[in-house]
Amino acid sequence: MGLTFTKLFSRLFAKKEMRILMVGLDAAGKTTILYKLKLGEIVTTIPTIGFNVETVEYKNISFTVWDVGGQDKIRPLWRHYFQNTQGLIFVVDSNDRDRVVEARDELHRMLNEDELRDAVLLVFANKQDLPNAMNAAEITDKLGLHSLRQRHWYIQSTCATSGEGLYEGLDWLSNNIANKASLSVLGSCLDNACSCVFHTSLCGMFWFQNFWKCFSTL
C-alpha cells in the first residue's frame, strides 16, 4: 500500500514530457514561434517544407514541439503527425482576414480526426502587433471555437517576434495536459490501491473462516 502511494507521488511530481503538434496555414508564424520559444530570439525563416522538431524546456515540463508546414499541398500530410499528440497549437495570422475561413475549415477538419480526440487545443492569435489584426474575440468567432463543446480549448493573443503571449499560452497548455495526466495516474494508482485492499481483506476473510472452522471442531 505504501509503495502504491510512493509511486503515485513520484509520478505526479516527476518531470513531465509532452508531445505538442503546432500547425496552421502557411505564413502564420509557426516556425518563428518555435524558435522564439527554443532560442529566445528571432530567426530568419523560409516556408517549411516538411517539419521542424525541437524540445522546449519550460518550468518542469519538456515539450517536444512539431512544427509542420502549412502550405496547401502539405496539409494532407498533417495527419501523419497526429498519433500520441497531447496538445495541439493552431497558429492563426490575425492580420490575414482573407483566409480566416480557410483556417477555420482546416482546424475543424483536424479536430474531427479520431487520433486527436483527447488533445487539448491552444489557438495562438498571432501577429497582434499589426494594425489591422483581428483581436482574440473576433478570431474566436471566426474559427467557431464556441462550438467545440467536447474539447478543452483556449485562445491566446501573441506576437511571435516579441514573444508576447507565448509563455502565457504554454502555461495554459501545460496545466491542462498535466491535469489530465495526473487524473489518469491518480485513477490508475487508486485502482491498484483498491485492488490491494480487496486482496488483503479477502485473504483475511479466508484466514478467519478457516480459523473458525478449526475452532468449531474442538
C-alpha atoms as a PDB file:
ATOM      1  CA  MET A   1       0.000   0.000   0.000  1.00  0.00           C
ATOM      2  CA  GLY A   2       2.834   2.363   0.945  1.00  0.00           C
ATOM      3  CA  LEU A   3       4.610   1.555  -2.296  1.00  0.00           C
ATOM      4  CA  THR A   4       1.452   2.389  -4.231  1.00  0.00           C
ATOM      5  CA  PHE A   5       1.275   5.912  -2.792  1.00  0.00           C
ATOM      6  CA  THR A   6       5.043   6.402  -3.147  1.00  0.00           C
ATOM      7  CA  LYS A   7       4.664   5.521  -6.817  1.00  0.00           C
ATOM      8  CA  LEU A   8       1.695   7.881  -7.084  1.00  0.00           C
ATOM      9  CA  PHE A   9       3.599  10.888  -5.738  1.00  0.00           C
ATOM     10  CA  SER A  10       6.726  10.147  -7.766  1.00  0.00           C
ATOM     11  CA  ARG A  11       4.668  10.013 -10.966  1.00  0.00           C
ATOM     12  CA  LEU A  12       2.625  13.102 -10.135  1.00  0.00           C
ATOM     13  CA  PHE A  13       5.638  15.310  -9.396  1.00  0.00           C
ATOM     14  CA  ALA A  14       8.194  13.922 -11.833  1.00  0.00           C
ATOM     15  CA  LYS A  15       9.362  15.991 -14.775  1.00  0.00           C
ATOM     16  CA  LYS A  16       6.691  15.720 -17.441  1.00  0.00           C
ATOM     17  CA  GLU A  17       7.197  15.177 -21.156  1.00  0.00           C
ATOM     18  CA  MET A  18       4.563  16.354 -23.598  1.00  0.00           C
ATOM     19  CA  ARG A  19       4.128  15.914 -27.324  1.00  0.00           C
ATOM     20  CA  ILE A  20       2.798  19.056 -28.977  1.00  0.00           C
ATOM     21  CA  LEU A  21       1.815  19.494 -32.616  1.00  0.00           C
ATOM     22  CA  MET A  22       1.896  23.033 -33.985  1.00  0.00           C
ATOM     23  CA  VAL A  23       0.063  23.650 -37.244  1.00  0.00           C
ATOM     24  CA  GLY A  24      -1.689  26.433 -39.109  1.00  0.00           C
ATOM     25  CA  LEU A  25      -1.803  27.945 -42.566  1.00  0.00           C
ATOM     26  CA  ASP A  26       1.433  28.925 -44.249  1.00  0.00           C
ATOM     27  CA  ALA A  27       2.988  32.232 -43.119  1.00  0.00           C
ATOM     28  CA  ALA A  28       1.081  32.210 -39.817  1.00  0.00           C
ATOM     29  CA  GLY A  29       4.340  32.415 -37.853  1.00  0.00           C
ATOM     30  CA  LYS A  30       4.725  28.838 -36.597  1.00  0.00           C
ATOM     31  CA  THR A  31       8.466  28.491 -37.125  1.00  0.00           C
ATOM     32  CA  THR A  32       9.138  31.943 -35.671  1.00  0.00           C
ATOM     33  CA  ILE A  33       7.174  30.909 -32.567  1.00  0.00           C
ATOM     34  CA  LEU A  34       9.043  27.597 -32.271  1.00  0.00           C
ATOM     35  CA  TYR A  35      12.491  29.172 -32.315  1.00  0.00           C
ATOM     36  CA  LYS A  36      11.453  32.103 -30.153  1.00  0.00           C
ATOM     37  CA  LEU A  37      10.485  29.527 -27.525  1.00  0.00           C
ATOM     38  CA  LYS A  38      13.567  27.387 -28.139  1.00  0.00           C
ATOM     39  CA  LEU A  39      16.260  30.037 -28.512  1.00  0.00           C
ATOM     40  CA  GLY A  40      14.629  33.188 -27.184  1.00  0.00           C
ATOM     41  CA  GLU A  41      15.420  35.042 -30.387  1.00  0.00           C
ATOM     42  CA  ILE A  42      14.064  35.708 -33.859  1.00  0.00           C
ATOM     43  CA  VAL A  43      15.461  33.561 -36.643  1.00  0.00           C
ATOM     44  CA  THR A  44      15.235  34.041 -40.380  1.00  0.00           C
ATOM     45  CA  THR A  45      12.680  31.575 -41.710  1.00  0.00           C
ATOM     46  CA  ILE A  46      11.626  30.221 -45.074  1.00  0.00           C
ATOM     47  CA  PRO A  47       8.391  28.331 -45.837  1.00  0.00           C
ATOM     48  CA  THR A  48       8.591  24.969 -44.074  1.00  0.00           C
ATOM     49  CA  ILE A  49       8.576  22.003 -46.443  1.00  0.00           C
ATOM     50  CA  GLY A  50       8.110  19.056 -44.131  1.00  0.00           C
ATOM     51  CA  PHE A  51       8.627  19.804 -40.453  1.00  0.00           C
ATOM     52  CA  ASN A  52      10.849  21.230 -37.745  1.00  0.00           C
ATOM     53  CA  VAL A  53      11.001  19.487 -34.379  1.00  0.00           C
ATOM     54  CA  GLU A  54      12.546  20.876 -31.205  1.00  0.00           C
ATOM     55  CA  THR A  55      12.469  20.182 -27.493  1.00  0.00           C
ATOM     56  CA  VAL A  56      11.434  23.213 -25.465  1.00  0.00           C
ATOM     57  CA  GLU A  57      12.154  23.165 -21.717  1.00  0.00           C
ATOM     58  CA  TYR A  58       9.767  25.242 -19.619  1.00  0.00           C
ATOM     59  CA  LYS A  59       9.313  25.011 -15.854  1.00  0.00           C
ATOM     60  CA  ASN A  60       9.072  21.300 -15.008  1.00  0.00           C
ATOM     61  CA  ILE A  61       7.984  20.312 -18.489  1.00  0.00           C
ATOM     62  CA  SER A  62       9.781  19.137 -21.592  1.00  0.00           C
ATOM     63  CA  PHE A  63       7.748  19.933 -24.707  1.00  0.00           C
ATOM     64  CA  THR A  64       8.523  18.096 -27.919  1.00  0.00           C
ATOM     65  CA  VAL A  65       7.105  20.527 -30.460  1.00  0.00           C
ATOM     66  CA  TRP A  66       6.491  19.513 -34.063  1.00  0.00           C
ATOM     67  CA  ASP A  67       6.157  22.482 -36.411  1.00  0.00           C
ATOM     68  CA  VAL A  68       4.592  21.175 -39.626  1.00  0.00           C
ATOM     69  CA  GLY A  69       4.490  23.140 -42.872  1.00  0.00           C
ATOM     70  CA  GLY A  70       1.191  24.835 -43.681  1.00  0.00           C
ATOM     71  CA  GLN A  71       1.163  25.158 -47.455  1.00  0.00           C
ATOM     72  CA  ASP A  72      -1.994  23.744 -49.001  1.00  0.00           C
ATOM     73  CA  LYS A  73      -0.204  20.859 -50.743  1.00  0.00           C
ATOM     74  CA  ILE A  74       1.423  19.805 -47.461  1.00  0.00           C
ATOM     75  CA  ARG A  75      -1.684  19.904 -45.256  1.00  0.00           C
ATOM     76  CA  PRO A  76      -2.879  16.377 -46.188  1.00  0.00           C
ATOM     77  CA  LEU A  77       0.341  15.162 -44.524  1.00  0.00           C
ATOM     78  CA  TRP A  78      -0.617  16.676 -41.154  1.00  0.00           C
ATOM     79  CA  ARG A  79      -2.489  13.523 -40.152  1.00  0.00           C
ATOM     80  CA  HIS A  80       0.778  11.563 -40.118  1.00  0.00           C
ATOM     81  CA  TYR A  81       1.810  13.575 -37.038  1.00  0.00           C
ATOM     82  CA  PHE A  82      -1.424  13.178 -35.049  1.00  0.00           C
ATOM     83  CA  GLN A  83      -0.601   9.966 -33.192  1.00  0.00           C
ATOM     84  CA  ASN A  84       0.160  10.419 -29.458  1.00  0.00           C
ATOM     85  CA  THR A  85      -0.352  14.182 -29.665  1.00  0.00           C
ATOM     86  CA  GLN A  86      -1.389  15.565 -26.281  1.00  0.00           C
ATOM     87  CA  GLY A  87      -1.716  19.208 -27.235  1.00  0.00           C
ATOM     88  CA  LEU A  88      -2.455  20.994 -30.495  1.00  0.00           C
ATOM     89  CA  ILE A  89      -1.259  24.546 -31.109  1.00  0.00           C
ATOM     90  CA  PHE A  90      -3.102  26.128 -34.022  1.00  0.00           C
ATOM     91  CA  VAL A  91      -1.450  29.344 -35.172  1.00  0.00           C
ATOM     92  CA  VAL A  92      -3.530  31.981 -36.931  1.00  0.00           C
ATOM     93  CA  ASP A  93      -2.275  35.062 -38.749  1.00  0.00           C
ATOM     94  CA  SER A  94      -4.589  37.613 -37.128  1.00  0.00           C
ATOM     95  CA  ASN A  95      -3.911  40.040 -39.953  1.00  0.00           C
ATOM     96  CA  ASP A  96      -4.959  37.624 -42.715  1.00  0.00           C
ATOM     97  CA  ARG A  97      -8.688  38.300 -42.912  1.00  0.00           C
ATOM     98  CA  ASP A  98      -8.949  36.797 -46.385  1.00  0.00           C
ATOM     99  CA  ARG A  99      -8.019  33.296 -45.219  1.00  0.00           C
ATOM    100  CA  VAL A 100      -9.550  33.035 -41.765  1.00  0.00           C
ATOM    101  CA  VAL A 101     -12.413  30.888 -43.127  1.00  0.00           C
ATOM    102  CA  GLU A 102      -9.832  28.584 -44.713  1.00  0.00           C
ATOM    103  CA  ALA A 103      -8.073  28.381 -41.337  1.00  0.00           C
ATOM    104  CA  ARG A 104     -11.371  27.507 -39.658  1.00  0.00           C
ATOM    105  CA  ASP A 105     -12.083  24.712 -42.128  1.00  0.00           C
ATOM    106  CA  GLU A 106      -8.620  23.196 -41.668  1.00  0.00           C
ATOM    107  CA  LEU A 107      -8.905  23.378 -37.881  1.00  0.00           C
ATOM    108  CA  HIS A 108     -12.295  21.661 -37.708  1.00  0.00           C
ATOM    109  CA  ARG A 109     -11.204  19.027 -40.225  1.00  0.00           C
ATOM    110  CA  MET A 110      -8.290  18.147 -37.942  1.00  0.00           C
ATOM    111  CA  LEU A 111     -10.337  18.090 -34.769  1.00  0.00           C
ATOM    112  CA  ASN A 112     -12.666  15.528 -36.320  1.00  0.00           C
ATOM    113  CA  GLU A 113      -9.774  13.065 -36.577  1.00  0.00           C
ATOM    114  CA  ASP A 114     -10.039  10.245 -34.048  1.00  0.00           C
ATOM    115  CA  GLU A 115      -6.336  10.424 -33.119  1.00  0.00           C
ATOM    116  CA  LEU A 116      -6.803  13.978 -31.830  1.00  0.00           C
ATOM    117  CA  ARG A 117      -9.968  13.327 -29.821  1.00  0.00           C
ATOM    118  CA  ASP A 118      -8.162  13.738 -26.475  1.00  0.00           C
ATOM    119  CA  ALA A 119      -5.796  16.554 -27.454  1.00  0.00           C
ATOM    120  CA  VAL A 120      -6.297  19.954 -25.850  1.00  0.00           C
ATOM    121  CA  LEU A 121      -6.359  22.929 -28.216  1.00  0.00           C
ATOM    122  CA  LEU A 122      -4.411  26.163 -27.878  1.00  0.00           C
ATOM    123  CA  VAL A 123      -5.001  28.816 -30.543  1.00  0.00           C
ATOM    124  CA  PHE A 124      -2.306  31.439 -30.970  1.00  0.00           C
ATOM    125  CA  ALA A 125      -3.864  34.597 -32.438  1.00  0.00           C
ATOM    126  CA  ASN A 126      -0.522  35.709 -33.826  1.00  0.00           C
ATOM    127  CA  LYS A 127       0.765  38.987 -35.300  1.00  0.00           C
ATOM    128  CA  GLN A 128      -1.195  41.151 -32.880  1.00  0.00           C
ATOM    129  CA  ASP A 129       1.366  43.908 -33.443  1.00  0.00           C
ATOM    130  CA  LEU A 130      -0.036  44.608 -36.918  1.00  0.00           C
ATOM    131  CA  PRO A 131      -2.568  47.472 -37.108  1.00  0.00           C
ATOM    132  CA  ASN A 132      -5.263  45.524 -38.981  1.00  0.00           C
ATOM    133  CA  ALA A 133      -5.066  42.422 -36.780  1.00  0.00           C
ATOM    134  CA  MET A 134      -8.277  40.805 -35.559  1.00  0.00           C
ATOM    135  CA  ASN A 135      -8.471  40.542 -31.785  1.00  0.00           C
ATOM    136  CA  ALA A 136      -8.888  37.258 -29.908  1.00  0.00           C
ATOM    137  CA  ALA A 137     -12.665  37.633 -29.566  1.00  0.00           C
ATOM    138  CA  GLU A 138     -13.099  38.159 -33.307  1.00  0.00           C
ATOM    139  CA  ILE A 139     -10.907  35.172 -34.152  1.00  0.00           C
ATOM    140  CA  THR A 140     -12.796  33.035 -31.631  1.00  0.00           C
ATOM    141  CA  ASP A 141     -15.984  33.843 -33.523  1.00  0.00           C
ATOM    142  CA  LYS A 142     -14.460  33.388 -36.994  1.00  0.00           C
ATOM    143  CA  LEU A 143     -12.987  29.995 -36.067  1.00  0.00           C
ATOM    144  CA  GLY A 144     -16.198  28.794 -34.417  1.00  0.00           C
ATOM    145  CA  LEU A 145     -14.393  27.885 -31.204  1.00  0.00           C
ATOM    146  CA  HIS A 146     -17.516  28.101 -29.053  1.00  0.00           C
ATOM    147  CA  SER A 147     -18.946  25.157 -30.984  1.00  0.00           C
ATOM    148  CA  LEU A 148     -16.183  22.906 -29.588  1.00  0.00           C
ATOM    149  CA  ARG A 149     -18.172  21.752 -26.574  1.00  0.00           C
ATOM    150  CA  GLN A 150     -16.320  18.470 -26.019  1.00  0.00           C
ATOM    151  CA  ARG A 151     -12.842  19.988 -26.270  1.00  0.00           C
ATOM    152  CA  HIS A 152     -10.630  21.881 -23.826  1.00  0.00           C
ATOM    153  CA  TRP A 153      -9.542  24.972 -25.761  1.00  0.00           C
ATOM    154  CA  TYR A 154      -8.052  28.384 -25.170  1.00  0.00           C
ATOM    155  CA  ILE A 155      -7.105  31.319 -27.376  1.00  0.00           C
ATOM    156  CA  GLN A 156      -4.089  33.492 -26.625  1.00  0.00           C
ATOM    157  CA  SER A 157      -3.151  36.745 -28.362  1.00  0.00           C
ATOM    158  CA  THR A 158       0.508  36.605 -29.382  1.00  0.00           C
ATOM    159  CA  CYS A 159       3.292  38.415 -31.157  1.00  0.00           C
ATOM    160  CA  ALA A 160       5.946  35.903 -32.162  1.00  0.00           C
ATOM    161  CA  THR A 161       8.645  38.488 -32.810  1.00  0.00           C
ATOM    162  CA  SER A 162       8.452  39.980 -29.315  1.00  0.00           C
ATOM    163  CA  GLY A 163       7.413  36.767 -27.575  1.00  0.00           C
ATOM    164  CA  GLU A 164       4.341  38.433 -26.094  1.00  0.00           C
ATOM    165  CA  GLY A 165       1.703  35.884 -25.056  1.00  0.00           C
ATOM    166  CA  LEU A 166       3.734  32.781 -25.918  1.00  0.00           C
ATOM    167  CA  TYR A 167       4.531  31.680 -22.381  1.00  0.00           C
ATOM    168  CA  GLU A 168       1.042  32.519 -21.155  1.00  0.00           C
ATOM    169  CA  GLY A 169      -0.192  30.067 -23.779  1.00  0.00           C
ATOM    170  CA  LEU A 170       2.331  27.434 -22.705  1.00  0.00           C
ATOM    171  CA  ASP A 171       1.199  27.841 -19.100  1.00  0.00           C
ATOM    172  CA  TRP A 172      -2.389  27.072 -20.067  1.00  0.00           C
ATOM    173  CA  LEU A 173      -1.307  24.164 -22.266  1.00  0.00           C
ATOM    174  CA  SER A 174       0.965  22.591 -19.665  1.00  0.00           C
ATOM    175  CA  ASN A 175      -1.574  22.967 -16.848  1.00  0.00           C
ATOM    176  CA  ASN A 176      -4.361  21.332 -18.836  1.00  0.00           C
ATOM    177  CA  ILE A 177      -2.269  18.455 -20.159  1.00  0.00           C
ATOM    178  CA  ALA A 178      -0.703  17.886 -16.736  1.00  0.00           C
ATOM    179  CA  ASN A 179      -4.116  17.878 -15.056  1.00  0.00           C
ATOM    180  CA  LYS A 180      -5.418  15.261 -17.477  1.00  0.00           C
ATOM    181  CA  ALA A 181      -2.290  13.149 -16.994  1.00  0.00           C
ATOM    182  CA  SER A 182      -2.456  13.484 -13.202  1.00  0.00           C
ATOM    183  CA  LEU A 183      -6.090  12.393 -13.133  1.00  0.00           C
ATOM    184  CA  SER A 184      -5.168   9.378 -15.237  1.00  0.00           C
ATOM    185  CA  VAL A 185      -2.254   8.478 -12.936  1.00  0.00           C
ATOM    186  CA  LEU A 186      -4.379   9.046  -9.837  1.00  0.00           C
ATOM    187  CA  GLY A 187      -7.149   6.838 -11.175  1.00  0.00           C
ATOM    188  CA  SER A 188      -4.690   4.076 -12.045  1.00  0.00           C
ATOM    189  CA  CYS A 189      -2.987   4.192  -8.647  1.00  0.00           C
ATOM    190  CA  LEU A 190      -6.296   4.279  -6.768  1.00  0.00           C
ATOM    191  CA  ASP A 191      -7.446   1.252  -8.737  1.00  0.00           C
ATOM    192  CA  ASN A 192      -4.255  -0.542  -7.715  1.00  0.00           C
ATOM    193  CA  ALA A 193      -4.681   0.551  -4.102  1.00  0.00           C
ATOM    194  CA  CYS A 194      -8.286  -0.669  -4.008  1.00  0.00           C
ATOM    195  CA  SER A 195      -7.164  -3.948  -5.549  1.00  0.00           C
ATOM    196  CA  CYS A 196      -4.516  -4.343  -2.835  1.00  0.00           C
ATOM    197  CA  VAL A 197      -7.024  -3.566  -0.086  1.00  0.00           C
ATOM    198  CA  PHE A 198      -9.523  -6.001  -1.574  1.00  0.00           C
ATOM    199  CA  HIS A 199      -6.860  -8.704  -1.881  1.00  0.00           C
ATOM    200  CA  THR A 200      -5.698  -8.153   1.711  1.00  0.00           C
ATOM    201  CA  SER A 201      -9.277  -8.200   3.007  1.00  0.00           C
ATOM    202  CA  LEU A 202     -10.033 -11.330   1.022  1.00  0.00           C
ATOM    203  CA  CYS A 203      -7.005 -13.133   2.443  1.00  0.00           C
ATOM    204  CA  GLY A 204      -8.024 -12.066   5.950  1.00  0.00           C
ATOM    205  CA  MET A 205     -11.540 -13.332   5.418  1.00  0.00           C
ATOM    206  CA  PHE A 206     -10.327 -16.743   4.243  1.00  0.00           C
ATOM    207  CA  TRP A 207      -7.955 -16.972   7.206  1.00  0.00           C
ATOM    208  CA  PHE A 208     -10.771 -16.145   9.639  1.00  0.00           C
ATOM    209  CA  GLN A 209     -13.113 -18.684   8.032  1.00  0.00           C
ATOM    210  CA  ASN A 210     -10.505 -21.442   8.282  1.00  0.00           C
ATOM    211  CA  PHE A 211      -9.670 -20.471  11.856  1.00  0.00           C
ATOM    212  CA  TRP A 212     -13.342 -20.559  12.872  1.00  0.00           C
ATOM    213  CA  LYS A 213     -13.844 -23.898  11.127  1.00  0.00           C
ATOM    214  CA  CYS A 214     -10.943 -25.414  13.065  1.00  0.00           C
ATOM    215  CA  PHE A 215     -12.063 -23.810  16.341  1.00  0.00           C
ATOM    216  CA  SER A 216     -15.621 -25.101  15.999  1.00  0.00           C
ATOM    217  CA  THR A 217     -14.406 -28.701  15.698  1.00  0.00           C
ATOM    218  CA  LEU A 218     -12.680 -28.536  19.058  1.00  0.00           C
END
